[in-house]
Amino acid sequence: VRFIVRPEKLALRRDIPAGEVTLPVTITNRIYQGVTTTWLVRDERNVDYTICEQNDDPLEGSGPAPIGTRVNMCWEPEHSVLLEGEPVVAAD
């Protein structure tokens, strides 16, 4: 199964919220952009993700996390968009 989630629909949480899809990730970079912060994270399979977060309440009130911190990337299931077709695998 392949799916996508828009970066602004993803959130970083220290705890695992009930009812949301969760993937453990490590923060690899944080880019402050005024009203938003772009988080770059990597999962255990070395897949990179981008999360766009409004700066009104970073990490749900727990404040920004340093690079290297393990957190949970979360999203609501209805924000998942299923993709059709076979996945394209890049050659190494």
PDB file of N, CA and C in Angstrom:
ATOM      1  N   VAL A   1       0.849  -1.181   0.000  1.00  0.00           N
ATOM      2  CA  VAL A   1       0.000   0.000   0.000  1.00  0.00           C
ATOM      3  C   VAL A   1       0.889   1.237   0.000  1.00  0.00           C
ATOM      4  N   ARG A   2       0.604   2.172  -0.913  1.00  0.00           N
ATOM      5  CA  ARG A   2       1.335   3.432  -0.958  1.00  0.00           C
ATOM      6  C   ARG A   2       0.354   4.564  -0.734  1.00  0.00           C
ATOM      7  N   PHE A   3       0.809   5.576   0.009  1.00  0.00           N
ATOM      8  CA  PHE A   3      -0.047   6.723   0.271  1.00  0.00           C
ATOM      9  C   PHE A   3       0.829   7.949   0.493  1.00  0.00           C
ATOM     10  N   ILE A   4       0.194   9.110   0.444  1.00  0.00           N
ATOM     11  CA  ILE A   4       0.886  10.361   0.744  1.00  0.00           C
ATOM     12  C   ILE A   4       0.066  11.127   1.775  1.00  0.00           C
ATOM     13  N   VAL A   5       0.758  12.012   2.476  1.00  0.00           N
ATOM     14  CA  VAL A   5       0.124  12.931   3.430  1.00  0.00           C
ATOM     15  C   VAL A   5       0.796  14.283   3.216  1.00  0.00           C
ATOM     16  N   ARG A   6       0.010  15.336   3.081  1.00  0.00           N
ATOM     17  CA  ARG A   6       0.577  16.669   2.892  1.00  0.00           C
ATOM     18  C   ARG A   6       1.423  17.043   4.105  1.00  0.00           C
ATOM     19  N   PRO A   7       2.587  17.706   3.894  1.00  0.00           N
ATOM     20  CA  PRO A   7       3.495  18.039   5.005  1.00  0.00           C
ATOM     21  C   PRO A   7       2.858  18.848   6.122  1.00  0.00           C
ATOM     22  N   GLU A   8       1.896  19.706   5.800  1.00  0.00           N
ATOM     23  CA  GLU A   8       1.247  20.515   6.843  1.00  0.00           C
ATOM     24  C   GLU A   8       0.220  19.722   7.649  1.00  0.00           C
ATOM     25  N   LYS A   9      -0.105  18.504   7.202  1.00  0.00           N
ATOM     26  CA  LYS A   9      -1.025  17.634   7.943  1.00  0.00           C
ATOM     27  C   LYS A   9      -0.270  16.712   8.895  1.00  0.00           C
ATOM     28  N   LEU A  10       1.042  16.704   8.811  1.00  0.00           N
ATOM     29  CA  LEU A  10       1.875  15.901   9.711  1.00  0.00           C
ATOM     30  C   LEU A  10       2.206  16.714  10.952  1.00  0.00           C
ATOM     31  N   ALA A  11       2.378  16.032  12.072  1.00  0.00           N
ATOM     32  CA  ALA A  11       2.753  16.707  13.315  1.00  0.00           C
ATOM     33  C   ALA A  11       3.782  15.855  14.042  1.00  0.00           C
ATOM     34  N   LEU A  12       4.626  16.515  14.819  1.00  0.00           N
ATOM     35  CA  LEU A  12       5.584  15.809  15.672  1.00  0.00           C
ATOM     36  C   LEU A  12       5.071  15.829  17.095  1.00  0.00           C
ATOM     37  N   ARG A  13       5.095  14.670  17.737  1.00  0.00           N
ATOM     38  CA  ARG A  13       4.617  14.541  19.110  1.00  0.00           C
ATOM     39  C   ARG A  13       5.620  13.711  19.900  1.00  0.00           C
ATOM     40  N   ARG A  14       5.746  14.048  21.153  1.00  0.00           N
ATOM     41  CA  ARG A  14       6.586  13.222  22.039  1.00  0.00           C
ATOM     42  C   ARG A  14       5.824  11.973  22.465  1.00  0.00           C
ATOM     43  N   ASP A  15       4.517  12.112  22.683  1.00  0.00           N
ATOM     44  CA  ASP A  15       3.669  10.978  23.070  1.00  0.00           C
ATOM     45  C   ASP A  15       2.899  10.481  21.851  1.00  0.00           C
ATOM     46  N   ILE A  16       2.359   9.288  21.949  1.00  0.00           N
ATOM     47  CA  ILE A  16       1.568   8.716  20.863  1.00  0.00           C
ATOM     48  C   ILE A  16       0.105   9.065  21.106  1.00  0.00           C
ATOM     49  N   PRO A  17      -0.493   9.886  20.231  1.00  0.00           N
ATOM     50  CA  PRO A  17      -1.891  10.273  20.423  1.00  0.00           C
ATOM     51  C   PRO A  17      -2.845   9.163  19.997  1.00  0.00           C
ATOM     52  N   ALA A  18      -3.955   9.039  20.709  1.00  0.00           N
ATOM     53  CA  ALA A  18      -4.972   8.049  20.378  1.00  0.00           C
ATOM     54  C   ALA A  18      -5.651   8.434  19.067  1.00  0.00           C
ATOM     55  N   GLY A  19      -5.894   7.449  18.221  1.00  0.00           N
ATOM     56  CA  GLY A  19      -6.645   7.663  16.998  1.00  0.00           C
ATOM     57  C   GLY A  19      -5.856   8.213  15.831  1.00  0.00           C
ATOM     58  N   GLU A  20      -4.557   8.468  15.993  1.00  0.00           N
ATOM     59  CA  GLU A  20      -3.753   8.984  14.896  1.00  0.00           C
ATOM     60  C   GLU A  20      -2.758   7.922  14.439  1.00  0.00           C
ATOM     61  N   VAL A  21      -2.383   8.006  13.178  1.00  0.00           N
ATOM     62  CA  VAL A  21      -1.336   7.142  12.635  1.00  0.00           C
ATOM     63  C   VAL A  21      -0.009   7.694  13.142  1.00  0.00           C
ATOM     64  N   THR A  22       0.882   6.807  13.561  1.00  0.00           N
ATOM     65  CA  THR A  22       2.140   7.238  14.169  1.00  0.00           C
ATOM     66  C   THR A  22       3.316   6.473  13.577  1.00  0.00           C
ATOM     67  N   LEU A  23       4.409   7.206  13.335  1.00  0.00           N
ATOM     68  CA  LEU A  23       5.648   6.604  12.859  1.00  0.00           C
ATOM     69  C   LEU A  23       6.795   7.200  13.660  1.00  0.00           C
ATOM     70  N   PRO A  24       7.573   6.368  14.374  1.00  0.00           N
ATOM     71  CA  PRO A  24       8.722   6.892  15.114  1.00  0.00           C
ATOM     72  C   PRO A  24       9.776   7.420  14.142  1.00  0.00           C
ATOM     73  N   VAL A  25      10.299   8.604  14.432  1.00  0.00           N
ATOM     74  CA  VAL A  25      11.301   9.247  13.570  1.00  0.00           C
ATOM     75  C   VAL A  25      12.347   9.942  14.429  1.00  0.00           C
ATOM     76  N   THR A  26      13.456  10.321  13.789  1.00  0.00           N
ATOM     77  CA  THR A  26      14.509  11.103  14.422  1.00  0.00           C
ATOM     78  C   THR A  26      14.611  12.435  13.695  1.00  0.00           C
ATOM     79  N   ILE A  27      14.679  13.523  14.451  1.00  0.00           N
ATOM     80  CA  ILE A  27      14.812  14.850  13.855  1.00  0.00           C
ATOM     81  C   ILE A  27      16.222  14.991  13.290  1.00  0.00           C
ATOM     82  N   THR A  28      16.315  15.341  11.995  1.00  0.00           N
ATOM     83  CA  THR A  28      17.618  15.509  11.354  1.00  0.00           C
ATOM     84  C   THR A  28      17.945  16.974  11.072  1.00  0.00           C
ATOM     85  N   ASN A  29      16.909  17.817  11.004  1.00  0.00           N
ATOM     86  CA  ASN A  29      17.146  19.248  10.790  1.00  0.00           C
ATOM     87  C   ASN A  29      15.873  20.018  11.129  1.00  0.00           C
ATOM     88  N   ARG A  30      16.054  21.288  11.478  1.00  0.00           N
ATOM     89  CA  ARG A  30      14.937  22.176  11.796  1.00  0.00           C
ATOM     90  C   ARG A  30      15.225  23.502  11.109  1.00  0.00           C
ATOM     91  N   ILE A  31      14.280  23.970  10.302  1.00  0.00           N
ATOM     92  CA  ILE A  31      14.468  25.214   9.557  1.00  0.00           C
ATOM     93  C   ILE A  31      13.386  26.201   9.987  1.00  0.00           C
ATOM     94  N   TYR A  32      13.779  27.204  10.746  1.00  0.00           N
ATOM     95  CA  TYR A  32      12.845  28.231  11.209  1.00  0.00           C
ATOM     96  C   TYR A  32      12.585  29.197  10.067  1.00  0.00           C
ATOM     97  N   GLN A  33      11.296  29.452   9.760  1.00  0.00           N
ATOM     98  CA  GLN A  33      10.929  30.311   8.648  1.00  0.00           C
ATOM     99  C   GLN A  33       9.906  31.367   9.072  1.00  0.00           C
ATOM    100  N   GLY A  34      10.099  31.971  10.217  1.00  0.00           N
ATOM    101  CA  GLY A  34       9.164  32.994  10.688  1.00  0.00           C
ATOM    102  C   GLY A  34       7.920  32.377  11.301  1.00  0.00           C
ATOM    103  N   VAL A  35       6.820  32.342  10.566  1.00  0.00           N
ATOM    104  CA  VAL A  35       5.566  31.818  11.108  1.00  0.00           C
ATOM    105  C   VAL A  35       5.503  30.294  11.081  1.00  0.00           C
ATOM    106  N   THR A  36       6.424  29.651  10.356  1.00  0.00           N
ATOM    107  CA  THR A  36       6.450  28.191  10.312  1.00  0.00           C
ATOM    108  C   THR A  36       7.859  27.665  10.567  1.00  0.00           C
ATOM    109  N   THR A  37       7.913  26.405  10.942  1.00  0.00           N
ATOM    110  CA  THR A  37       9.168  25.673  11.032  1.00  0.00           C
ATOM    111  C   THR A  37       9.037  24.435  10.163  1.00  0.00           C
ATOM    112  N   THR A  38      10.038  24.175   9.355  1.00  0.00           N
ATOM    113  CA  THR A  38      10.091  22.954   8.570  1.00  0.00           C
ATOM    114  C   THR A  38      11.012  21.978   9.295  1.00  0.00           C
ATOM    115  N   TRP A  39      10.474  20.819   9.610  1.00  0.00           N
ATOM    116  CA  TRP A  39      11.232  19.767  10.291  1.00  0.00           C
ATOM    117  C   TRP A  39      11.599  18.712   9.269  1.00  0.00           C
ATOM    118  N   LEU A  40      12.833  18.294   9.251  1.00  0.00           N
ATOM    119  CA  LEU A  40      13.279  17.166   8.445  1.00  0.00           C
ATOM    120  C   LEU A  40      13.540  16.011   9.399  1.00  0.00           C
ATOM    121  N   VAL A  41      12.926  14.870   9.108  1.00  0.00           N
ATOM    122  CA  VAL A  41      13.032  13.710  10.001  1.00  0.00           C
ATOM    123  C   VAL A  41      13.336  12.467   9.173  1.00  0.00           C
ATOM    124  N   ARG A  42      13.796  11.426   9.849  1.00  0.00           N
ATOM    125  CA  ARG A  42      14.146  10.160   9.192  1.00  0.00           C
ATOM    126  C   ARG A  42      13.628   9.014  10.042  1.00  0.00           C
ATOM    127  N   ASP A  43      13.035   8.018   9.367  1.00  0.00           N
ATOM    128  CA  ASP A  43      12.539   6.858  10.109  1.00  0.00           C
ATOM    129  C   ASP A  43      13.622   5.779  10.209  1.00  0.00           C
ATOM    130  N   GLU A  44      13.267   4.642  10.783  1.00  0.00           N
ATOM    131  CA  GLU A  44      14.235   3.564  11.009  1.00  0.00           C
ATOM    132  C   GLU A  44      14.721   2.912   9.718  1.00  0.00           C
ATOM    133  N   ARG A  45      13.983   3.113   8.611  1.00  0.00           N
ATOM    134  CA  ARG A  45      14.385   2.551   7.317  1.00  0.00           C
ATOM    135  C   ARG A  45      15.225   3.542   6.513  1.00  0.00           C
ATOM    136  N   ASN A  46      15.599   4.679   7.149  1.00  0.00           N
ATOM    137  CA  ASN A  46      16.361   5.761   6.503  1.00  0.00           C
ATOM    138  C   ASN A  46      15.569   6.481   5.416  1.00  0.00           C
ATOM    139  N   VAL A  47      14.237   6.528   5.576  1.00  0.00           N
ATOM    140  CA  VAL A  47      13.381   7.294   4.673  1.00  0.00           C
ATOM    141  C   VAL A  47      13.198   8.676   5.291  1.00  0.00           C
ATOM    142  N   ASP A  48      13.390   9.727   4.477  1.00  0.00           N
ATOM    143  CA  ASP A  48      13.283  11.105   4.946  1.00  0.00           C
ATOM    144  C   ASP A  48      11.886  11.652   4.705  1.00  0.00           C
ATOM    145  N   TYR A  49      11.428  12.485   5.647  1.00  0.00           N
ATOM    146  CA  TYR A  49      10.116  13.131   5.570  1.00  0.00           C
ATOM    147  C   TYR A  49      10.283  14.608   5.909  1.00  0.00           C
ATOM    148  N   THR A  50       9.353  15.418   5.415  1.00  0.00           N
ATOM    149  CA  THR A  50       9.309  16.844   5.698  1.00  0.00           C
ATOM    150  C   THR A  50       7.988  17.168   6.378  1.00  0.00           C
ATOM    151  N   ILE A  51       8.048  17.909   7.484  1.00  0.00           N
ATOM    152  CA  ILE A  51       6.861  18.330   8.231  1.00  0.00           C
ATOM    153  C   ILE A  51       6.877  19.845   8.306  1.00  0.00           C
ATOM    154  N   CYS A  52       5.768  20.470   7.943  1.00  0.00           N
ATOM    155  CA  CYS A  52       5.626  21.929   8.041  1.00  0.00           C
ATOM    156  C   CYS A  52       4.714  22.232   9.226  1.00  0.00           C
ATOM    157  N   GLU A  53       5.219  22.982  10.192  1.00  0.00           N
ATOM    158  CA  GLU A  53       4.469  23.238  11.426  1.00  0.00           C
ATOM    159  C   GLU A  53       4.360  24.742  11.681  1.00  0.00           C
ATOM    160  N   GLN A  54       3.153  25.178  12.047  1.00  0.00           N
ATOM    161  CA  GLN A  54       2.963  26.554  12.475  1.00  0.00           C
ATOM    162  C   GLN A  54       3.722  26.753  13.790  1.00  0.00           C
ATOM    163  N   ASN A  55       4.263  27.941  13.998  1.00  0.00           N
ATOM    164  CA  ASN A  55       5.067  28.193  15.197  1.00  0.00           C
ATOM    165  C   ASN A  55       4.241  28.632  16.401  1.00  0.00           C
ATOM    166  N   ASP A  56       2.936  28.383  16.392  1.00  0.00           N
ATOM    167  CA  ASP A  56       2.114  28.785  17.524  1.00  0.00           C
ATOM    168  C   ASP A  56       2.237  27.843  18.716  1.00  0.00           C
ATOM    169  N   ASP A  57       2.585  26.565  18.489  1.00  0.00           N
ATOM    170  CA  ASP A  57       2.680  25.602  19.581  1.00  0.00           C
ATOM    171  C   ASP A  57       3.593  24.441  19.186  1.00  0.00           C
ATOM    172  N   PRO A  58       4.912  24.681  19.074  1.00  0.00           N
ATOM    173  CA  PRO A  58       5.799  23.616  18.607  1.00  0.00           C
ATOM    174  C   PRO A  58       5.780  22.390  19.508  1.00  0.00           C
ATOM    175  N   LEU A  59       5.703  21.229  18.863  1.00  0.00           N
ATOM    176  CA  LEU A  59       5.665  19.940  19.567  1.00  0.00           C
ATOM    177  C   LEU A  59       4.648  19.949  20.706  1.00  0.00           C
ATOM    178  N   GLU A  60       3.464  20.476  20.391  1.00  0.00           N
ATOM    179  CA  GLU A  60       2.339  20.454  21.336  1.00  0.00           C
ATOM    180  C   GLU A  60       2.685  21.036  22.700  1.00  0.00           C
ATOM    181  N   GLY A  61       3.327  22.184  22.714  1.00  0.00           N
ATOM    182  CA  GLY A  61       3.595  22.885  23.964  1.00  0.00           C
ATOM    183  C   GLY A  61       4.851  22.440  24.690  1.00  0.00           C
ATOM    184  N   SER A  62       5.520  21.403  24.190  1.00  0.00           N
ATOM    185  CA  SER A  62       6.719  20.932  24.884  1.00  0.00           C
ATOM    186  C   SER A  62       7.962  21.650  24.384  1.00  0.00           C
ATOM    187  N   GLY A  63       7.787  22.559  23.431  1.00  0.00           N
ATOM    188  CA  GLY A  63       8.913  23.339  22.921  1.00  0.00           C
ATOM    189  C   GLY A  63       9.669  22.607  21.845  1.00  0.00           C
ATOM    190  N   PRO A  64      10.550  23.311  21.157  1.00  0.00           N
ATOM    191  CA  PRO A  64      11.315  22.684  20.080  1.00  0.00           C
ATOM    192  C   PRO A  64      12.254  21.611  20.605  1.00  0.00           C
ATOM    193  N   ALA A  65      12.480  20.613  19.786  1.00  0.00           N
ATOM    194  CA  ALA A  65      13.372  19.520  20.158  1.00  0.00           C
ATOM    195  C   ALA A  65      14.670  19.652  19.376  1.00  0.00           C
ATOM    196  N   PRO A  66      15.786  19.308  19.995  1.00  0.00           N
ATOM    197  CA  PRO A  66      17.068  19.390  19.284  1.00  0.00           C
ATOM    198  C   PRO A  66      17.209  18.309  18.221  1.00  0.00           C
ATOM    199  N   ILE A  67      18.097  18.555  17.272  1.00  0.00           N
ATOM    200  CA  ILE A  67      18.402  17.567  16.241  1.00  0.00           C
ATOM    201  C   ILE A  67      18.903  16.294  16.926  1.00  0.00           C
ATOM    202  N   GLY A  68      18.447  15.155  16.428  1.00  0.00           N
ATOM    203  CA  GLY A  68      18.817  13.867  17.012  1.00  0.00           C
ATOM    204  C   GLY A  68      17.770  13.320  17.963  1.00  0.00           C
ATOM    205  N   THR A  69      16.756  14.113  18.299  1.00  0.00           N
ATOM    206  CA  THR A  69      15.703  13.670  19.215  1.00  0.00           C
ATOM    207  C   THR A  69      14.767  12.695  18.515  1.00  0.00           C
ATOM    208  N   ARG A  70      14.410  11.614  19.216  1.00  0.00           N
ATOM    209  CA  ARG A  70      13.416  10.653  18.711  1.00  0.00           C
ATOM    210  C   ARG A  70      12.038  11.170  19.105  1.00  0.00           C
ATOM    211  N   VAL A  71      11.151  11.278  18.128  1.00  0.00           N
ATOM    212  CA  VAL A  71       9.774  11.726  18.347  1.00  0.00           C
ATOM    213  C   VAL A  71       8.857  10.865  17.482  1.00  0.00           C
ATOM    214  N   ASN A  72       7.577  11.167  17.524  1.00  0.00           N
ATOM    215  CA  ASN A  72       6.593  10.459  16.720  1.00  0.00           C
ATOM    216  C   ASN A  72       6.026  11.400  15.669  1.00  0.00           C
ATOM    217  N   MET A  73       6.078  10.988  14.420  1.00  0.00           N
ATOM    218  CA  MET A  73       5.417  11.723  13.353  1.00  0.00           C
ATOM    219  C   MET A  73       3.992  11.176  13.282  1.00  0.00           C
ATOM    220  N   CYS A  74       3.005  12.071  13.389  1.00  0.00           N
ATOM    221  CA  CYS A  74       1.618  11.647  13.491  1.00  0.00           C
ATOM    222  C   CYS A  74       0.741  12.370  12.483  1.00  0.00           C
ATOM    223  N   TRP A  75      -0.353  11.728  12.121  1.00  0.00           N
ATOM    224  CA  TRP A  75      -1.363  12.363  11.281  1.00  0.00           C
ATOM    225  C   TRP A  75      -2.677  11.631  11.473  1.00  0.00           C
ATOM    226  N   GLU A  76      -3.755  12.341  11.163  1.00  0.00           N
ATOM    227  CA  GLU A  76      -5.082  11.749  11.239  1.00  0.00           C
ATOM    228  C   GLU A  76      -5.303  10.878  10.009  1.00  0.00           C
ATOM    229  N   PRO A  77      -5.894   9.687  10.193  1.00  0.00           N
ATOM    230  CA  PRO A  77      -6.043   8.747   9.069  1.00  0.00           C
ATOM    231  C   PRO A  77      -6.734   9.351   7.848  1.00  0.00           C
ATOM    232  N   GLU A  78      -7.676  10.247   8.040  1.00  0.00           N
ATOM    233  CA  GLU A  78      -8.395  10.815   6.895  1.00  0.00           C
ATOM    234  C   GLU A  78      -7.520  11.729   6.030  1.00  0.00           C
ATOM    235  N   HIS A  79      -6.334  12.080   6.510  1.00  0.00           N
ATOM    236  CA  HIS A  79      -5.407  12.888   5.715  1.00  0.00           C
ATOM    237  C   HIS A  79      -4.521  12.042   4.799  1.00  0.00           C
ATOM    238  N   SER A  80      -4.638  10.721   4.880  1.00  0.00           N
ATOM    239  CA  SER A  80      -3.887   9.823   3.998  1.00  0.00           C
ATOM    240  C   SER A  80      -4.588   9.738   2.644  1.00  0.00           C
ATOM    241  N   VAL A  81      -3.811   9.860   1.573  1.00  0.00           N
ATOM    242  CA  VAL A  81      -4.342   9.732   0.213  1.00  0.00           C
ATOM    243  C   VAL A  81      -3.675   8.514  -0.415  1.00  0.00           C
ATOM    244  N   LEU A  82      -4.480   7.494  -0.746  1.00  0.00           N
ATOM    245  CA  LEU A  82      -3.945   6.276  -1.343  1.00  0.00           C
ATOM    246  C   LEU A  82      -3.505   6.538  -2.773  1.00  0.00           C
ATOM    247  N   LEU A  83      -2.375   5.920  -3.147  1.00  0.00           N
ATOM    248  CA  LEU A  83      -1.838   6.026  -4.499  1.00  0.00           C
ATOM    249  C   LEU A  83      -2.063   4.713  -5.230  1.00  0.00           C
ATOM    250  N   GLU A  84      -2.335   4.802  -6.515  1.00  0.00           N
ATOM    251  CA  GLU A  84      -2.524   3.607  -7.322  1.00  0.00           C
ATOM    252  C   GLU A  84      -1.253   3.293  -8.095  1.00  0.00           C
ATOM    253  N   GLY A  85      -1.149   2.075  -8.572  1.00  0.00           N
ATOM    254  CA  GLY A  85      -0.011   1.697  -9.397  1.00  0.00           C
ATOM    255  C   GLY A  85       1.113   1.087  -8.588  1.00  0.00           C
ATOM    256  N   GLU A  86       2.089   0.619  -9.305  1.00  0.00           N
ATOM    257  CA  GLU A  86       3.259  -0.008  -8.688  1.00  0.00           C
ATOM    258  C   GLU A  86       4.256   1.058  -8.241  1.00  0.00           C
ATOM    259  N   PRO A  87       4.916   0.861  -7.097  1.00  0.00           N
ATOM    260  CA  PRO A  87       5.920   1.823  -6.650  1.00  0.00           C
ATOM    261  C   PRO A  87       7.132   1.832  -7.588  1.00  0.00           C
ATOM    262  N   VAL A  88       7.733   2.980  -7.715  1.00  0.00           N
ATOM    263  CA  VAL A  88       8.958   3.127  -8.504  1.00  0.00           C
ATOM    264  C   VAL A  88      10.125   3.055  -7.539  1.00  0.00           C
ATOM    265  N   VAL A  89      11.039   2.123  -7.761  1.00  0.00           N
ATOM    266  CA  VAL A  89      12.194   1.927  -6.886  1.00  0.00           C
ATOM    267  C   VAL A  89      13.420   2.489  -7.585  1.00  0.00           C
ATOM    268  N   ALA A  90      14.109   3.408  -6.911  1.00  0.00           N
ATOM    269  CA  ALA A  90      15.322   3.985  -7.483  1.00  0.00           C
ATOM    270  C   ALA A  90      16.458   2.981  -7.430  1.00  0.00           C
ATOM    271  N   ALA A  91      17.254   2.952  -8.478  1.00  0.00           N
ATOM    272  CA  ALA A  91      18.425   2.078  -8.510  1.00  0.00           C
ATOM    273  C   ALA A  91      19.513   2.647  -7.626  1.00  0.00           C
ATOM    274  N   ASP A  92      20.201   1.781  -6.912  1.00  0.00           N
ATOM    275  CA  ASP A  92      21.289   2.232  -6.033  1.00  0.00           C
ATOM    276  C   ASP A  92      22.544   2.543  -6.787  1.00  0.00           C
TER     277      ASP A  92
END
